[in-house]
Amino acid sequence: MQIRNNTEQKDFTFGNGKSDYITGNAGVALNIKTKINEWKNDCFFNLYAGIDWRTRLGSKNQRQLLDTDIQNIITSIPEVLALTAFESFVNDRAYTADFTVFTIYSETPYTDTVSLEG
């Protein structure tokens, strides 16, 4: 997998040739985070991609649905072979999920964290 790297503001990087791309587990992790950060109805050519963050973080009792949304996104990525651990935390409108996956590049499980605020 090869994916264009992001800036701190989550925009694509440009102007540095092949150094603008990352590969392997880091590429898979960036792909997961990018897909999780998508907002539903925000991209004109794929309105159904992403998560309805306004509803999920703005309403009570949405954590289980949000967990399911995120787990579905993680397991839908072709390079992810298995989601082996998942734990989430909600504090007011801040959501954090820790996950562990095996990818096609893994010899050991790969662990990462996603943090979102709504």
Protein backbone atom coordinates (compact mmCIF):
# COMPACT_ATOMS: atom_id res chain seq x y z
CA MET A 1 0.00 0.00 0.00
CA GLN A 2 1.16 3.49 -0.85
CA ILE A 3 -0.79 6.52 0.37
CA ARG A 4 -0.12 10.26 0.23
CA ASN A 5 1.00 11.57 3.60
CA ASN A 6 -0.97 14.22 5.48
CA THR A 7 0.04 17.47 7.13
CA GLU A 8 -0.79 18.22 10.76
CA GLN A 9 -4.00 19.86 9.48
CA LYS A 10 -4.95 16.56 7.78
CA ASP A 11 -4.42 17.90 4.24
CA PHE A 12 -2.47 16.01 1.57
CA THR A 13 1.22 16.83 1.20
CA PHE A 14 2.51 17.94 -2.19
CA GLY A 15 5.72 19.13 -3.81
CA ASN A 16 8.24 16.60 -2.50
CA GLY A 17 7.90 13.78 -5.03
CA LYS A 18 7.94 10.25 -3.64
CA SER A 19 8.71 11.49 -0.13
CA ASP A 20 5.09 12.69 0.04
CA TYR A 21 3.99 9.03 0.23
CA ILE A 22 4.20 6.46 3.00
CA THR A 23 3.96 2.67 2.78
CA GLY A 24 3.63 -0.44 4.93
CA ASN A 25 1.95 -0.39 8.35
CA ALA A 26 2.28 3.39 8.55
CA GLY A 27 0.37 3.67 5.26
CA VAL A 28 -2.36 1.34 6.49
CA ALA A 29 -2.63 3.31 9.75
CA LEU A 30 -2.94 6.59 7.85
CA ASN A 31 -5.57 5.06 5.56
CA ILE A 32 -7.57 3.93 8.62
CA LYS A 33 -7.35 7.36 10.26
CA THR A 34 -8.25 9.15 7.03
CA LYS A 35 -11.33 6.99 6.48
CA ILE A 36 -12.42 7.37 10.11
CA ASN A 37 -12.10 11.16 9.91
CA GLU A 38 -14.41 11.38 6.88
CA TRP A 39 -17.75 13.06 7.48
CA LYS A 40 -20.86 11.55 5.91
CA ASN A 41 -22.29 13.70 3.07
CA ASP A 42 -19.09 15.78 2.93
CA CYS A 43 -17.50 14.49 -0.27
CA PHE A 44 -19.54 15.21 -3.42
CA PHE A 45 -18.37 12.09 -5.27
CA ASN A 46 -18.96 9.68 -2.35
CA LEU A 47 -21.71 11.06 -0.10
CA TYR A 48 -22.19 7.80 1.81
CA ALA A 49 -18.56 7.42 2.90
CA GLY A 50 -17.64 8.32 6.44
CA ILE A 51 -19.46 8.66 9.73
CA ASP A 52 -22.23 11.02 10.80
CA TRP A 53 -20.09 12.61 13.50
CA ARG A 54 -22.56 15.34 14.42
CA THR A 55 -25.14 12.74 15.43
CA ARG A 56 -22.70 10.29 16.99
CA LEU A 57 -20.85 12.79 19.20
CA GLY A 58 -23.78 15.14 19.76
CA SER A 59 -26.28 12.61 21.09
CA LYS A 60 -26.38 10.36 24.13
CA ASN A 61 -26.12 6.57 23.90
CA GLN A 62 -24.30 6.59 20.56
CA ARG A 63 -21.03 5.02 21.68
CA GLN A 64 -21.91 1.44 20.65
CA LEU A 65 -23.03 2.64 17.21
CA LEU A 66 -19.86 4.69 16.82
CA ASP A 67 -17.75 1.70 17.86
CA THR A 68 -19.49 -0.41 15.23
CA ASP A 69 -18.97 2.28 12.57
CA ILE A 70 -15.25 2.49 13.32
CA GLN A 71 -14.75 -1.27 13.49
CA ASN A 72 -16.50 -1.64 10.12
CA ILE A 73 -14.20 0.97 8.58
CA ILE A 74 -11.07 -0.71 9.98
CA THR A 75 -12.05 -4.17 8.76
CA SER A 76 -13.12 -2.89 5.33
CA ILE A 77 -9.56 -1.89 4.42
CA PRO A 78 -8.14 -4.64 2.19
CA GLU A 79 -4.69 -4.61 3.83
CA VAL A 80 -6.19 -5.30 7.29
CA LEU A 81 -6.31 -9.03 7.92
CA ALA A 82 -7.81 -8.96 11.43
CA LEU A 83 -8.93 -6.53 14.11
CA THR A 84 -7.67 -8.24 17.27
CA ALA A 85 -8.39 -5.64 19.97
CA PHE A 86 -10.64 -2.60 20.23
CA GLU A 87 -11.37 -0.33 23.18
CA SER A 88 -13.01 3.08 23.18
CA PHE A 89 -13.55 5.93 25.62
CA VAL A 90 -15.99 8.84 25.51
CA ASN A 91 -15.56 11.99 27.55
CA ASP A 92 -18.24 14.58 26.80
CA ARG A 93 -17.81 15.11 23.00
CA ALA A 94 -14.33 13.61 22.80
CA TYR A 95 -13.94 10.05 21.56
CA THR A 96 -10.79 7.92 21.69
CA ALA A 97 -10.38 4.40 20.31
CA ASP A 98 -7.38 2.13 20.74
CA PHE A 99 -7.16 -0.71 18.26
CA THR A 100 -4.81 -3.51 17.32
CA VAL A 101 -4.74 -5.02 13.84
CA PHE A 102 -2.78 -7.52 11.81
CA THR A 103 -2.02 -6.22 8.33
CA ILE A 104 -0.49 -7.84 5.30
CA TYR A 105 2.74 -6.08 6.37
CA SER A 106 2.66 -7.24 10.01
CA GLU A 107 4.84 -9.79 11.67
CA THR A 108 3.44 -8.66 15.01
CA PRO A 109 0.16 -6.87 15.81
CA TYR A 110 0.06 -3.17 15.00
CA THR A 111 -1.53 -0.88 17.63
CA ASP A 112 -2.75 2.66 17.09
CA THR A 113 -5.12 5.26 18.54
CA VAL A 114 -7.76 7.47 16.97
CA SER A 115 -8.94 10.61 18.79
CA LEU A 116 -11.87 12.74 17.67
CA GLU A 117 -13.72 15.72 19.04
CA GLY A 118 -17.09 16.89 17.86
